[in-house]
Amino acid sequence: MRRRRVAAGCRAVGDYAARPQVLFGGVYGAVLASSMVAALTRYGASSRSDRLYDTAWLLITALASALAHGYAHLIARRGDQTHHGVLAALRVLFEEWPLLVATAPTALLLLGAGLGWWASDGVEYIAFTVNVVLLFTWGLLAARAGGRTWPSALRIGCGDALLGVFVVVANALIK
């Protein structure tokens, strides 16, 4: 009986995580975090104070991106001819939480390096790897939620991770 409840709970979490808004925020946040780290460490600065600076800029950029997306959704939803009050507007902004959560692993890695919990030199490679794994996981989750078989979902997850690498590299080169 307990095993069924656990399985049902896992399915419910998986179903929630497979919602388009959550998937979008998760993927966007992972790409954003990788792109920010690549752009901020482009010139080789990796001291502890640099990592604290990088953490602050990552968090500021993630918050600004979440607010921009929420604002855009708010404006777009006005076209449905319904009245949206302040609480509805705040709810729309709050729905961008997956983007912020997806940047948390990178922010924690940078913060830990800045506080001296681990070496600050090379932490960007670990952050990049973590974000590629996240992109694979989001792709896998979306494919499974879409009814794909495990082998197909694994291929899709790998393709999504590879596409994410290309996007991050392109972003880093542009910035």
Protein backbone atom coordinates (compact mmCIF):
# COMPACT_ATOMS: atom_id res chain seq x y z
CA MET A 1 0.00 0.00 0.00
CA ARG A 2 2.78 2.42 0.94
CA ARG A 3 4.66 1.59 -2.25
CA ARG A 4 1.60 2.54 -4.32
CA ARG A 5 1.33 5.90 -2.55
CA VAL A 6 5.00 6.60 -3.20
CA ALA A 7 4.60 5.62 -6.86
CA ALA A 8 1.50 7.81 -7.17
CA GLY A 9 3.35 10.69 -5.54
CA CYS A 10 6.28 10.28 -7.94
CA ARG A 11 3.89 10.24 -10.89
CA ALA A 12 2.20 13.40 -9.63
CA VAL A 13 5.55 15.19 -9.30
CA GLY A 14 6.56 13.98 -12.76
CA ASP A 15 3.26 15.14 -14.24
CA TYR A 16 3.66 18.55 -12.62
CA ALA A 17 7.27 18.86 -13.77
CA ALA A 18 6.21 17.99 -17.33
CA ARG A 19 3.89 21.00 -17.56
CA PRO A 20 4.99 23.33 -20.39
CA GLN A 21 5.58 26.30 -18.07
CA VAL A 22 7.80 24.22 -15.77
CA LEU A 23 9.71 22.66 -18.68
CA PHE A 24 10.18 26.06 -20.31
CA GLY A 25 11.50 27.63 -17.13
CA GLY A 26 13.77 24.69 -16.37
CA VAL A 27 15.33 24.63 -19.82
CA TYR A 28 15.60 28.39 -20.06
CA GLY A 29 17.13 28.65 -16.59
CA ALA A 30 19.75 25.97 -17.32
CA VAL A 31 20.73 27.62 -20.60
CA LEU A 32 20.75 31.05 -18.97
CA ALA A 33 22.97 29.86 -16.11
CA SER A 34 25.46 28.21 -18.47
CA SER A 35 25.55 31.22 -20.77
CA MET A 36 26.07 33.60 -17.85
CA VAL A 37 28.91 31.55 -16.41
CA ALA A 38 30.54 31.31 -19.85
CA ALA A 39 30.22 35.05 -20.39
CA LEU A 40 31.38 35.99 -16.89
CA THR A 41 34.42 33.70 -16.88
CA ARG A 42 35.38 34.38 -20.48
CA TYR A 43 38.46 36.38 -19.51
CA GLY A 44 39.81 33.88 -17.01
CA ALA A 45 38.94 35.67 -13.76
CA SER A 46 38.36 32.96 -11.16
CA SER A 47 39.25 34.34 -7.74
CA ARG A 48 36.88 33.87 -4.83
CA SER A 49 35.69 37.46 -5.12
CA ASP A 50 35.12 36.97 -8.85
CA ARG A 51 32.90 33.96 -8.08
CA LEU A 52 30.86 35.98 -5.60
CA TYR A 53 30.48 38.67 -8.27
CA ASP A 54 29.45 35.98 -10.79
CA THR A 55 26.88 34.61 -8.33
CA ALA A 56 25.35 38.04 -7.84
CA TRP A 57 25.13 38.68 -11.57
CA LEU A 58 23.64 35.25 -12.24
CA LEU A 59 20.94 35.82 -9.63
CA ILE A 60 20.21 39.36 -10.86
CA THR A 61 20.00 38.17 -14.46
CA ALA A 62 17.78 35.20 -13.56
CA LEU A 63 15.43 37.44 -11.60
CA ALA A 64 15.32 40.00 -14.41
CA SER A 65 14.65 37.25 -16.95
CA ALA A 66 11.87 35.76 -14.82
CA LEU A 67 10.26 39.17 -14.40
CA ALA A 68 10.55 39.88 -18.13
CA HIS A 69 8.94 36.55 -19.01
CA GLY A 70 6.21 37.02 -16.43
CA TYR A 71 5.56 40.54 -17.67
CA ALA A 72 5.35 39.31 -21.28
CA HIS A 73 2.90 36.57 -20.27
CA LEU A 74 0.83 39.11 -18.36
CA ILE A 75 0.58 41.41 -21.37
CA ALA A 76 -0.15 38.47 -23.71
CA ARG A 77 -2.97 37.23 -21.46
CA ARG A 78 -4.72 40.58 -21.60
CA GLY A 79 -5.82 39.71 -25.11
CA ASP A 80 -8.27 37.09 -23.83
CA GLN A 81 -10.77 39.85 -22.93
CA THR A 82 -10.91 38.96 -19.23
CA HIS A 83 -10.15 41.26 -16.34
CA HIS A 84 -6.92 40.46 -14.53
CA GLY A 85 -6.39 42.06 -11.16
CA VAL A 86 -3.28 42.51 -9.07
CA LEU A 87 -3.45 39.00 -7.59
CA ALA A 88 -3.72 37.48 -11.05
CA ALA A 89 -0.73 39.55 -12.16
CA LEU A 90 1.30 38.38 -9.16
CA ARG A 91 0.29 34.78 -9.87
CA VAL A 92 1.53 35.11 -13.47
CA LEU A 93 4.84 36.52 -12.24
CA PHE A 94 5.16 33.77 -9.63
CA GLU A 95 4.66 31.14 -12.35
CA GLU A 96 8.21 31.94 -13.52
CA TRP A 97 9.69 30.21 -10.46
CA PRO A 98 11.05 27.25 -12.51
CA LEU A 99 13.46 29.59 -14.29
CA LEU A 100 14.83 30.75 -10.94
CA VAL A 101 15.03 27.24 -9.51
CA ALA A 102 16.88 26.00 -12.60
CA THR A 103 19.65 28.54 -12.01
CA ALA A 104 20.03 27.50 -8.36
CA PRO A 105 22.57 24.67 -8.88
CA THR A 106 24.90 27.01 -10.78
CA ALA A 107 24.39 29.79 -8.26
CA LEU A 108 25.22 27.38 -5.41
CA LEU A 109 28.35 26.16 -7.21
CA LEU A 110 29.54 29.73 -7.76
CA LEU A 111 28.61 30.79 -4.24
CA GLY A 112 30.44 27.81 -2.76
CA ALA A 113 33.53 28.69 -4.78
CA GLY A 114 33.23 32.31 -3.68
CA LEU A 115 32.98 31.32 -0.02
CA GLY A 116 35.93 28.95 -0.29
CA TRP A 117 33.97 25.72 0.13
CA TRP A 118 35.81 24.40 -2.93
CA ALA A 119 38.30 25.68 -5.47
CA SER A 120 37.08 28.63 -7.48
CA ASP A 121 39.26 27.82 -10.46
CA GLY A 122 37.44 25.57 -12.94
CA VAL A 123 34.05 25.59 -11.23
CA GLU A 124 32.53 26.88 -14.47
CA TYR A 125 33.21 23.48 -16.09
CA ILE A 126 31.36 21.72 -13.29
CA ALA A 127 28.47 24.19 -13.61
CA PHE A 128 28.38 23.63 -17.36
CA THR A 129 28.29 19.84 -16.86
CA VAL A 130 25.51 20.11 -14.28
CA ASN A 131 23.46 22.24 -16.66
CA VAL A 132 23.96 19.84 -19.57
CA VAL A 133 22.73 17.02 -17.31
CA LEU A 134 19.72 19.18 -16.40
CA LEU A 135 18.98 19.80 -20.08
CA PHE A 136 19.19 16.05 -20.74
CA THR A 137 16.84 15.43 -17.80
CA TRP A 138 14.30 18.03 -18.97
CA GLY A 139 14.35 16.53 -22.47
CA LEU A 140 13.95 13.02 -21.08
CA LEU A 141 11.10 14.09 -18.82
CA ALA A 142 9.27 15.88 -21.63
CA ALA A 143 9.67 12.90 -23.95
CA ARG A 144 8.38 10.44 -21.34
CA ALA A 145 5.45 12.75 -20.53
CA GLY A 146 4.72 12.80 -24.26
CA GLY A 147 4.39 9.02 -24.26
CA ARG A 148 7.76 8.11 -25.79
CA THR A 149 9.41 4.81 -24.95
CA TRP A 150 12.51 4.81 -22.76
CA PRO A 151 14.96 4.28 -25.66
CA SER A 152 13.30 7.04 -27.65
CA ALA A 153 13.19 9.35 -24.61
CA LEU A 154 16.89 8.74 -23.95
CA ARG A 155 17.75 9.67 -27.54
CA ILE A 156 15.60 12.79 -27.30
CA GLY A 157 17.23 13.73 -23.98
CA CYS A 158 20.69 13.37 -25.54
CA GLY A 159 19.62 15.46 -28.53
CA ASP A 160 18.20 18.14 -26.26
CA ALA A 161 21.39 18.22 -24.20
CA LEU A 162 23.47 18.55 -27.37
CA LEU A 163 21.21 21.31 -28.67
CA GLY A 164 21.59 23.05 -25.31
CA VAL A 165 25.38 22.87 -25.63
CA PHE A 166 25.16 24.53 -29.05
CA VAL A 167 22.88 27.27 -27.71
CA VAL A 168 25.17 27.94 -24.75
CA VAL A 169 28.28 28.05 -26.95
CA ALA A 170 26.53 30.38 -29.40
CA ASN A 171 25.43 32.65 -26.53
CA ALA A 172 28.94 32.71 -25.09
CA LEU A 173 30.45 33.60 -28.46
CA ILE A 174 27.91 36.37 -29.04
CA LYS A 175 28.51 37.94 -25.63
